[in-house]
């Protein structure tokens, strides 16, 4: 796992490519759109805008699949972004037509933080491995915390430990695996949270000790927004399927 905090190699992560003779036209054709200032665009992909999974006043989530040998195309980053690998792989990067790193491996579930990168840097990355890379970008729309007066603690489950992947002044990122038949234990939620399924499964919910009917199957890569839940509600969820659920929680500060 690699958590990038403005390190030069990681700043070149996950972006696209063309050779130096094409860079001028590629950059010139990308005209900033104020209406979509938080959306990433990878010019070389068949679907340059990826799939928008979730958007609200605070965040936008986009999913991209980069096939082996594919480069995303020169593009900018607005900053205040988190990337989450549903399926990792081998990345290589360029800036201004020059190699910046080669053969960097991100495992499934690897995350990192991305600061702003202007289009003028000619920033791009490509999949130089032999399998597709599947990743989700979480872009925060504001430059400041959305709830600065709240004491933000990591998400807690009484029955299952969560792994802290990354924390900074904007987000807390955690990962948890829930085995078949396992329940989290009664807990609260701070709200302003995003969940991302690295591996999906079948969830059921209990409230005040009463178990509700199972929810629809949560696919790998599915996401959602979670509002606050008070401990008095007796809330907990459990894996009522037959496969392990692997989940990332992102708590916005």
C-alpha atoms as a PDB file:
ATOM      1  CA  UNK A   1       0.000   0.000   0.000  1.00  0.00           C
ATOM      2  CA  UNK A   2       1.210   3.472  -0.796  1.00  0.00           C
ATOM      3  CA  UNK A   3      -0.283   6.580   0.895  1.00  0.00           C
ATOM      4  CA  UNK A   4       0.922   9.554  -1.114  1.00  0.00           C
ATOM      5  CA  UNK A   5       1.454  12.815   0.694  1.00  0.00           C
ATOM      6  CA  UNK A   6       2.765  14.998  -2.088  1.00  0.00           C
ATOM      7  CA  UNK A   7       5.755  12.771  -2.819  1.00  0.00           C
ATOM      8  CA  UNK A   8       6.873  13.391  -6.353  1.00  0.00           C
ATOM      9  CA  UNK A   9       6.650   9.796  -7.515  1.00  0.00           C
ATOM     10  CA  UNK A  10       3.156   9.322  -6.169  1.00  0.00           C
ATOM     11  CA  UNK A  11       1.967  12.631  -7.496  1.00  0.00           C
ATOM     12  CA  UNK A  12       2.521  11.193 -10.927  1.00  0.00           C
ATOM     13  CA  UNK A  13       0.380   8.187 -10.054  1.00  0.00           C
ATOM     14  CA  UNK A  14      -2.715   7.123 -11.913  1.00  0.00           C
ATOM     15  CA  UNK A  15      -2.793   9.483 -14.849  1.00  0.00           C
ATOM     16  CA  UNK A  16      -2.469   9.151 -18.573  1.00  0.00           C
ATOM     17  CA  UNK A  17      -0.280   9.479 -21.576  1.00  0.00           C
ATOM     18  CA  UNK A  18       0.717  10.344 -25.087  1.00  0.00           C
ATOM     19  CA  UNK A  19       4.135  10.813 -26.560  1.00  0.00           C
ATOM     20  CA  UNK A  20       5.868  14.190 -26.513  1.00  0.00           C
ATOM     21  CA  UNK A  21       4.824  15.001 -30.062  1.00  0.00           C
ATOM     22  CA  UNK A  22       1.150  14.729 -29.025  1.00  0.00           C
ATOM     23  CA  UNK A  23       1.314  16.664 -25.766  1.00  0.00           C
ATOM     24  CA  UNK A  24       0.753  20.135 -27.155  1.00  0.00           C
ATOM     25  CA  UNK A  25      -2.492  19.273 -28.901  1.00  0.00           C
ATOM     26  CA  UNK A  26      -3.721  17.164 -25.993  1.00  0.00           C
ATOM     27  CA  UNK A  27      -3.207  19.962 -23.481  1.00  0.00           C
ATOM     28  CA  UNK A  28      -4.617  22.653 -25.757  1.00  0.00           C
ATOM     29  CA  UNK A  29      -7.804  20.685 -26.339  1.00  0.00           C
ATOM     30  CA  UNK A  30      -8.564  20.471 -22.593  1.00  0.00           C
ATOM     31  CA  UNK A  31     -10.515  23.638 -21.806  1.00  0.00           C
ATOM     32  CA  UNK A  32     -11.469  23.985 -18.110  1.00  0.00           C
ATOM     33  CA  UNK A  33     -15.203  23.620 -17.502  1.00  0.00           C
ATOM     34  CA  UNK A  34     -16.369  25.461 -14.346  1.00  0.00           C
ATOM     35  CA  UNK A  35     -19.471  23.259 -14.190  1.00  0.00           C
ATOM     36  CA  UNK A  36     -17.311  20.123 -13.925  1.00  0.00           C
ATOM     37  CA  UNK A  37     -14.267  21.462 -12.113  1.00  0.00           C
ATOM     38  CA  UNK A  38     -14.152  18.495  -9.720  1.00  0.00           C
ATOM     39  CA  UNK A  39     -14.432  15.777 -12.381  1.00  0.00           C
ATOM     40  CA  UNK A  40     -11.294  14.039 -13.600  1.00  0.00           C
ATOM     41  CA  UNK A  41     -10.962  13.547 -17.346  1.00  0.00           C
ATOM     42  CA  UNK A  42      -8.582  11.011 -18.882  1.00  0.00           C
ATOM     43  CA  UNK A  43      -8.477  11.908 -22.602  1.00  0.00           C
ATOM     44  CA  UNK A  44      -7.061   8.591 -23.824  1.00  0.00           C
ATOM     45  CA  UNK A  45      -9.684   6.290 -22.305  1.00  0.00           C
ATOM     46  CA  UNK A  46     -12.762   5.189 -24.226  1.00  0.00           C
ATOM     47  CA  UNK A  47     -14.809   6.687 -21.389  1.00  0.00           C
ATOM     48  CA  UNK A  48     -12.742   9.795 -20.452  1.00  0.00           C
ATOM     49  CA  UNK A  49     -14.952  10.766 -17.512  1.00  0.00           C
ATOM     50  CA  UNK A  50     -15.181   7.283 -16.059  1.00  0.00           C
ATOM     51  CA  UNK A  51     -18.348   6.347 -14.180  1.00  0.00           C
ATOM     52  CA  UNK A  52     -19.740   8.830 -11.654  1.00  0.00           C
ATOM     53  CA  UNK A  53     -20.789   6.642  -8.716  1.00  0.00           C
ATOM     54  CA  UNK A  54     -21.879   9.278  -6.203  1.00  0.00           C
ATOM     55  CA  UNK A  55     -22.071  13.056  -6.030  1.00  0.00           C
ATOM     56  CA  UNK A  56     -23.377  15.455  -3.410  1.00  0.00           C
ATOM     57  CA  UNK A  57     -22.465  18.905  -2.104  1.00  0.00           C
ATOM     58  CA  UNK A  58     -19.286  17.590  -0.463  1.00  0.00           C
ATOM     59  CA  UNK A  59     -17.786  14.948  -2.775  1.00  0.00           C
ATOM     60  CA  UNK A  60     -17.823  13.295  -6.162  1.00  0.00           C
ATOM     61  CA  UNK A  61     -16.739   9.676  -6.731  1.00  0.00           C
ATOM     62  CA  UNK A  62     -15.560   8.441 -10.144  1.00  0.00           C
ATOM     63  CA  UNK A  63     -14.537   4.931 -11.154  1.00  0.00           C
ATOM     64  CA  UNK A  64     -12.001   4.237 -13.898  1.00  0.00           C
ATOM     65  CA  UNK A  65     -10.666   1.027 -15.448  1.00  0.00           C
ATOM     66  CA  UNK A  66      -7.247   1.312 -17.111  1.00  0.00           C
ATOM     67  CA  UNK A  67      -6.385  -1.674 -19.288  1.00  0.00           C
ATOM     68  CA  UNK A  68      -2.877  -3.121 -19.716  1.00  0.00           C
ATOM     69  CA  UNK A  69      -0.759  -0.908 -21.970  1.00  0.00           C
ATOM     70  CA  UNK A  70      -3.241   1.991 -21.675  1.00  0.00           C
ATOM     71  CA  UNK A  71      -2.240   5.520 -20.654  1.00  0.00           C
ATOM     72  CA  UNK A  72      -4.825   7.931 -19.333  1.00  0.00           C
ATOM     73  CA  UNK A  73      -3.743  11.087 -21.196  1.00  0.00           C
ATOM     74  CA  UNK A  74      -2.359  14.370 -19.881  1.00  0.00           C
ATOM     75  CA  UNK A  75      -4.715  15.955 -17.376  1.00  0.00           C
ATOM     76  CA  UNK A  76      -4.952  18.114 -14.249  1.00  0.00           C
ATOM     77  CA  UNK A  77      -5.953  17.292 -10.665  1.00  0.00           C
ATOM     78  CA  UNK A  78      -7.959  19.730  -8.524  1.00  0.00           C
ATOM     79  CA  UNK A  79      -6.350  18.415  -5.313  1.00  0.00           C
ATOM     80  CA  UNK A  80      -8.038  17.256  -2.096  1.00  0.00           C
ATOM     81  CA  UNK A  81      -8.414  13.809  -3.651  1.00  0.00           C
ATOM     82  CA  UNK A  82      -8.212  10.263  -2.409  1.00  0.00           C
ATOM     83  CA  UNK A  83      -7.713   7.251  -4.666  1.00  0.00           C
ATOM     84  CA  UNK A  84      -8.796   3.712  -3.745  1.00  0.00           C
ATOM     85  CA  UNK A  85      -7.716   0.678  -5.772  1.00  0.00           C
ATOM     86  CA  UNK A  86     -10.493  -1.868  -6.202  1.00  0.00           C
ATOM     87  CA  UNK A  87      -7.995  -3.836  -8.279  1.00  0.00           C
ATOM     88  CA  UNK A  88      -4.369  -2.720  -8.137  1.00  0.00           C
ATOM     89  CA  UNK A  89      -1.562  -3.229 -10.606  1.00  0.00           C
ATOM     90  CA  UNK A  90       1.627  -1.803 -12.092  1.00  0.00           C
ATOM     91  CA  UNK A  91       1.815   1.921 -12.824  1.00  0.00           C
ATOM     92  CA  UNK A  92       4.406   3.993 -14.681  1.00  0.00           C
ATOM     93  CA  UNK A  93       4.386   7.767 -14.986  1.00  0.00           C
ATOM     94  CA  UNK A  94       5.555  10.672 -17.122  1.00  0.00           C
ATOM     95  CA  UNK A  95       5.662  14.447 -16.839  1.00  0.00           C
ATOM     96  CA  UNK A  96       6.459  16.700 -19.761  1.00  0.00           C
ATOM     97  CA  UNK A  97       7.178  13.624 -21.846  1.00  0.00           C
ATOM     98  CA  UNK A  98       9.883  12.367 -19.443  1.00  0.00           C
ATOM     99  CA  UNK A  99       9.614   9.244 -17.276  1.00  0.00           C
ATOM    100  CA  UNK A 100       9.050   9.987 -13.589  1.00  0.00           C
ATOM    101  CA  UNK A 101       8.669   6.441 -12.268  1.00  0.00           C
ATOM    102  CA  UNK A 102       8.413   2.941 -13.710  1.00  0.00           C
ATOM    103  CA  UNK A 103       6.807  -0.299 -12.576  1.00  0.00           C
ATOM    104  CA  UNK A 104       5.306   0.931  -9.285  1.00  0.00           C
ATOM    105  CA  UNK A 105       2.999  -1.684  -7.763  1.00  0.00           C
ATOM    106  CA  UNK A 106      -0.233  -0.855  -5.921  1.00  0.00           C
ATOM    107  CA  UNK A 107      -1.979  -3.753  -4.216  1.00  0.00           C
ATOM    108  CA  UNK A 108      -5.731  -4.311  -4.208  1.00  0.00           C
ATOM    109  CA  UNK A 109      -7.132  -1.869  -1.649  1.00  0.00           C
ATOM    110  CA  UNK A 110      -4.175   0.520  -1.761  1.00  0.00           C
ATOM    111  CA  UNK A 111      -5.078   4.167  -1.135  1.00  0.00           C
ATOM    112  CA  UNK A 112      -3.336   7.529  -1.382  1.00  0.00           C
ATOM    113  CA  UNK A 113      -3.840  11.289  -1.202  1.00  0.00           C
ATOM    114  CA  UNK A 114      -3.372  13.572  -4.212  1.00  0.00           C
ATOM    115  CA  UNK A 115      -2.661  17.297  -4.099  1.00  0.00           C
ATOM    116  CA  UNK A 116      -3.387  19.665  -6.989  1.00  0.00           C
ATOM    117  CA  UNK A 117      -1.507  19.213 -10.267  1.00  0.00           C
ATOM    118  CA  UNK A 118      -1.884  21.829 -13.033  1.00  0.00           C
ATOM    119  CA  UNK A 119      -2.338  20.789 -16.638  1.00  0.00           C
ATOM    120  CA  UNK A 120       0.922  22.550 -17.507  1.00  0.00           C
ATOM    121  CA  UNK A 121       2.938  19.815 -15.747  1.00  0.00           C
ATOM    122  CA  UNK A 122       2.066  17.344 -18.527  1.00  0.00           C
ATOM    123  CA  UNK A 123       1.251  14.753 -15.880  1.00  0.00           C
ATOM    124  CA  UNK A 124       0.223  11.236 -16.937  1.00  0.00           C
ATOM    125  CA  UNK A 125       0.410   7.600 -15.846  1.00  0.00           C
ATOM    126  CA  UNK A 126      -0.199   4.292 -17.532  1.00  0.00           C
ATOM    127  CA  UNK A 127      -0.872   0.649 -16.788  1.00  0.00           C
ATOM    128  CA  UNK A 128       2.382  -1.137 -17.624  1.00  0.00           C
ATOM    129  CA  UNK A 129       1.276  -4.415 -16.080  1.00  0.00           C
ATOM    130  CA  UNK A 130      -0.633  -7.328 -17.575  1.00  0.00           C
ATOM    131  CA  UNK A 131      -4.052  -6.939 -15.882  1.00  0.00           C
ATOM    132  CA  UNK A 132      -6.667  -4.144 -15.773  1.00  0.00           C
ATOM    133  CA  UNK A 133      -6.450  -1.620 -12.929  1.00  0.00           C
ATOM    134  CA  UNK A 134      -9.770  -0.633 -11.346  1.00  0.00           C
ATOM    135  CA  UNK A 135      -9.785   2.445  -9.117  1.00  0.00           C
ATOM    136  CA  UNK A 136     -12.110   4.987  -7.560  1.00  0.00           C
ATOM    137  CA  UNK A 137     -11.272   8.668  -7.117  1.00  0.00           C
ATOM    138  CA  UNK A 138     -12.901  10.547  -4.225  1.00  0.00           C
ATOM    139  CA  UNK A 139     -12.698  14.314  -4.844  1.00  0.00           C
ATOM    140  CA  UNK A 140     -13.559  16.696  -2.007  1.00  0.00           C
ATOM    141  CA  UNK A 141     -15.318  19.788  -3.314  1.00  0.00           C
ATOM    142  CA  UNK A 142     -14.174  22.200  -0.605  1.00  0.00           C
ATOM    143  CA  UNK A 143     -10.733  23.400   0.434  1.00  0.00           C
ATOM    144  CA  UNK A 144     -11.554  23.225   4.151  1.00  0.00           C
ATOM    145  CA  UNK A 145     -13.015  20.605   6.538  1.00  0.00           C
ATOM    146  CA  UNK A 146     -16.805  20.408   6.416  1.00  0.00           C
ATOM    147  CA  UNK A 147     -17.218  19.899  10.186  1.00  0.00           C
ATOM    148  CA  UNK A 148     -14.166  21.520  11.812  1.00  0.00           C
ATOM    149  CA  UNK A 149     -15.724  21.813  15.283  1.00  0.00           C
ATOM    150  CA  UNK A 150     -16.311  18.070  15.683  1.00  0.00           C
ATOM    151  CA  UNK A 151     -13.744  15.788  17.308  1.00  0.00           C
ATOM    152  CA  UNK A 152     -13.334  13.176  14.567  1.00  0.00           C
ATOM    153  CA  UNK A 153     -12.423   9.691  15.724  1.00  0.00           C
ATOM    154  CA  UNK A 154     -11.884   6.592  13.569  1.00  0.00           C
ATOM    155  CA  UNK A 155     -14.919   4.390  12.985  1.00  0.00           C
ATOM    156  CA  UNK A 156     -15.225   1.717  15.708  1.00  0.00           C
ATOM    157  CA  UNK A 157     -16.806  -1.746  15.682  1.00  0.00           C
ATOM    158  CA  UNK A 158     -16.888  -3.616  19.028  1.00  0.00           C
ATOM    159  CA  UNK A 159     -16.576  -7.051  17.406  1.00  0.00           C
ATOM    160  CA  UNK A 160     -14.175  -6.406  14.511  1.00  0.00           C
ATOM    161  CA  UNK A 161     -10.971  -4.339  14.282  1.00  0.00           C
ATOM    162  CA  UNK A 162     -10.604  -1.765  11.511  1.00  0.00           C
ATOM    163  CA  UNK A 163      -7.221  -1.002   9.925  1.00  0.00           C
ATOM    164  CA  UNK A 164      -6.252   2.664   9.669  1.00  0.00           C
ATOM    165  CA  UNK A 165      -4.951   3.257   6.121  1.00  0.00           C
ATOM    166  CA  UNK A 166      -4.585   7.043   6.017  1.00  0.00           C
ATOM    167  CA  UNK A 167      -5.421  10.124   8.065  1.00  0.00           C
ATOM    168  CA  UNK A 168      -4.848  13.802   7.391  1.00  0.00           C
ATOM    169  CA  UNK A 169      -6.682  17.053   8.128  1.00  0.00           C
ATOM    170  CA  UNK A 170      -9.507  16.149   5.695  1.00  0.00           C
ATOM    171  CA  UNK A 171     -10.179  12.407   5.952  1.00  0.00           C
ATOM    172  CA  UNK A 172      -9.837   9.242   8.014  1.00  0.00           C
ATOM    173  CA  UNK A 173      -9.582   6.119   5.824  1.00  0.00           C
ATOM    174  CA  UNK A 174     -10.079   2.635   7.303  1.00  0.00           C
ATOM    175  CA  UNK A 175     -10.447  -0.891   5.988  1.00  0.00           C
ATOM    176  CA  UNK A 176     -12.335  -3.827   7.495  1.00  0.00           C
ATOM    177  CA  UNK A 177     -13.061  -7.435   6.507  1.00  0.00           C
ATOM    178  CA  UNK A 178     -16.347  -8.962   7.664  1.00  0.00           C
ATOM    179  CA  UNK A 179     -16.493 -12.748   7.461  1.00  0.00           C
ATOM    180  CA  UNK A 180     -19.668 -14.746   6.723  1.00  0.00           C
ATOM    181  CA  UNK A 181     -21.825 -14.903   9.849  1.00  0.00           C
ATOM    182  CA  UNK A 182     -19.910 -12.074  11.529  1.00  0.00           C
ATOM    183  CA  UNK A 183     -21.617  -9.001  13.013  1.00  0.00           C
ATOM    184  CA  UNK A 184     -19.932  -5.672  13.732  1.00  0.00           C
ATOM    185  CA  UNK A 185     -21.470  -5.102  17.183  1.00  0.00           C
ATOM    186  CA  UNK A 186     -23.690  -2.185  18.162  1.00  0.00           C
ATOM    187  CA  UNK A 187     -21.979   1.088  17.237  1.00  0.00           C
ATOM    188  CA  UNK A 188     -22.529   4.690  16.179  1.00  0.00           C
ATOM    189  CA  UNK A 189     -21.599   6.579  13.005  1.00  0.00           C
ATOM    190  CA  UNK A 190     -20.282  10.135  12.965  1.00  0.00           C
ATOM    191  CA  UNK A 191     -21.926  10.898   9.623  1.00  0.00           C
ATOM    192  CA  UNK A 192     -20.369  12.469   6.515  1.00  0.00           C
ATOM    193  CA  UNK A 193     -18.964   9.046   5.674  1.00  0.00           C
ATOM    194  CA  UNK A 194     -18.401   7.139   2.434  1.00  0.00           C
ATOM    195  CA  UNK A 195     -18.149   3.366   2.111  1.00  0.00           C
ATOM    196  CA  UNK A 196     -16.504   1.563  -0.810  1.00  0.00           C
ATOM    197  CA  UNK A 197     -16.750  -2.193  -1.328  1.00  0.00           C
ATOM    198  CA  UNK A 198     -13.409  -3.719  -2.326  1.00  0.00           C
ATOM    199  CA  UNK A 199     -15.282  -7.024  -2.269  1.00  0.00           C
ATOM    200  CA  UNK A 200     -19.039  -6.969  -2.048  1.00  0.00           C
ATOM    201  CA  UNK A 201     -21.482  -9.301  -0.375  1.00  0.00           C
ATOM    202  CA  UNK A 202     -24.799  -9.683   1.417  1.00  0.00           C
ATOM    203  CA  UNK A 203     -25.537  -7.403   4.365  1.00  0.00           C
ATOM    204  CA  UNK A 204     -28.244  -7.545   7.000  1.00  0.00           C
ATOM    205  CA  UNK A 205     -29.001  -4.891   9.638  1.00  0.00           C
ATOM    206  CA  UNK A 206     -30.179  -5.033  13.240  1.00  0.00           C
ATOM    207  CA  UNK A 207     -31.774  -2.099  15.049  1.00  0.00           C
ATOM    208  CA  UNK A 208     -32.584  -2.385  18.731  1.00  0.00           C
ATOM    209  CA  UNK A 209     -31.980  -6.131  18.523  1.00  0.00           C
ATOM    210  CA  UNK A 210     -34.471  -6.639  15.677  1.00  0.00           C
ATOM    211  CA  UNK A 211     -32.982  -8.063  12.476  1.00  0.00           C
ATOM    212  CA  UNK A 212     -34.316  -6.587   9.252  1.00  0.00           C
ATOM    213  CA  UNK A 213     -34.570  -8.450   5.917  1.00  0.00           C
ATOM    214  CA  UNK A 214     -31.259  -8.716   4.015  1.00  0.00           C
ATOM    215  CA  UNK A 215     -30.395  -5.822   1.732  1.00  0.00           C
ATOM    216  CA  UNK A 216     -29.730  -6.245  -1.963  1.00  0.00           C
ATOM    217  CA  UNK A 217     -26.350  -7.784  -2.795  1.00  0.00           C
ATOM    218  CA  UNK A 218     -23.614  -5.121  -2.651  1.00  0.00           C
ATOM    219  CA  UNK A 219     -21.436  -5.475  -5.729  1.00  0.00           C
ATOM    220  CA  UNK A 220     -17.662  -5.102  -5.684  1.00  0.00           C
ATOM    221  CA  UNK A 221     -16.937  -1.401  -6.282  1.00  0.00           C
ATOM    222  CA  UNK A 222     -20.319  -0.235  -5.000  1.00  0.00           C
ATOM    223  CA  UNK A 223     -20.298   2.868  -2.821  1.00  0.00           C
ATOM    224  CA  UNK A 224     -22.599   4.872  -0.591  1.00  0.00           C
ATOM    225  CA  UNK A 225     -22.968   7.885   1.695  1.00  0.00           C
ATOM    226  CA  UNK A 226     -23.666   7.414   5.413  1.00  0.00           C
ATOM    227  CA  UNK A 227     -25.335   9.946   7.698  1.00  0.00           C
ATOM    228  CA  UNK A 228     -24.966  10.030  11.476  1.00  0.00           C
ATOM    229  CA  UNK A 229     -26.300   7.116  13.561  1.00  0.00           C
ATOM    230  CA  UNK A 230     -26.567   7.496  17.337  1.00  0.00           C
ATOM    231  CA  UNK A 231     -25.516   4.641  19.622  1.00  0.00           C
ATOM    232  CA  UNK A 232     -29.027   4.693  21.146  1.00  0.00           C
ATOM    233  CA  UNK A 233     -30.424   3.228  17.895  1.00  0.00           C
ATOM    234  CA  UNK A 234     -28.816  -0.143  18.616  1.00  0.00           C
ATOM    235  CA  UNK A 235     -27.456  -0.256  15.052  1.00  0.00           C
ATOM    236  CA  UNK A 236     -25.200  -2.990  13.691  1.00  0.00           C
ATOM    237  CA  UNK A 237     -24.680  -4.803  10.388  1.00  0.00           C
ATOM    238  CA  UNK A 238     -23.621  -8.346   9.634  1.00  0.00           C
ATOM    239  CA  UNK A 239     -22.422 -10.478   6.749  1.00  0.00           C
ATOM    240  CA  UNK A 240     -25.283 -12.879   6.049  1.00  0.00           C
ATOM    241  CA  UNK A 241     -23.785 -14.140   2.789  1.00  0.00           C
ATOM    242  CA  UNK A 242     -21.194 -16.821   2.179  1.00  0.00           C
ATOM    243  CA  UNK A 243     -18.176 -14.731   1.120  1.00  0.00           C
ATOM    244  CA  UNK A 244     -15.920 -12.240   2.925  1.00  0.00           C
ATOM    245  CA  UNK A 245     -16.896  -8.574   2.592  1.00  0.00           C
ATOM    246  CA  UNK A 246     -13.940  -6.177   2.287  1.00  0.00           C
ATOM    247  CA  UNK A 247     -14.893  -2.567   2.962  1.00  0.00           C
ATOM    248  CA  UNK A 248     -13.236   0.861   3.055  1.00  0.00           C
ATOM    249  CA  UNK A 249     -14.705   3.602   5.272  1.00  0.00           C
ATOM    250  CA  UNK A 250     -13.858   7.247   4.556  1.00  0.00           C
ATOM    251  CA  UNK A 251     -14.827   9.710   7.278  1.00  0.00           C
ATOM    252  CA  UNK A 252     -14.793  13.358   6.170  1.00  0.00           C
ATOM    253  CA  UNK A 253     -13.569  15.858   8.737  1.00  0.00           C
END
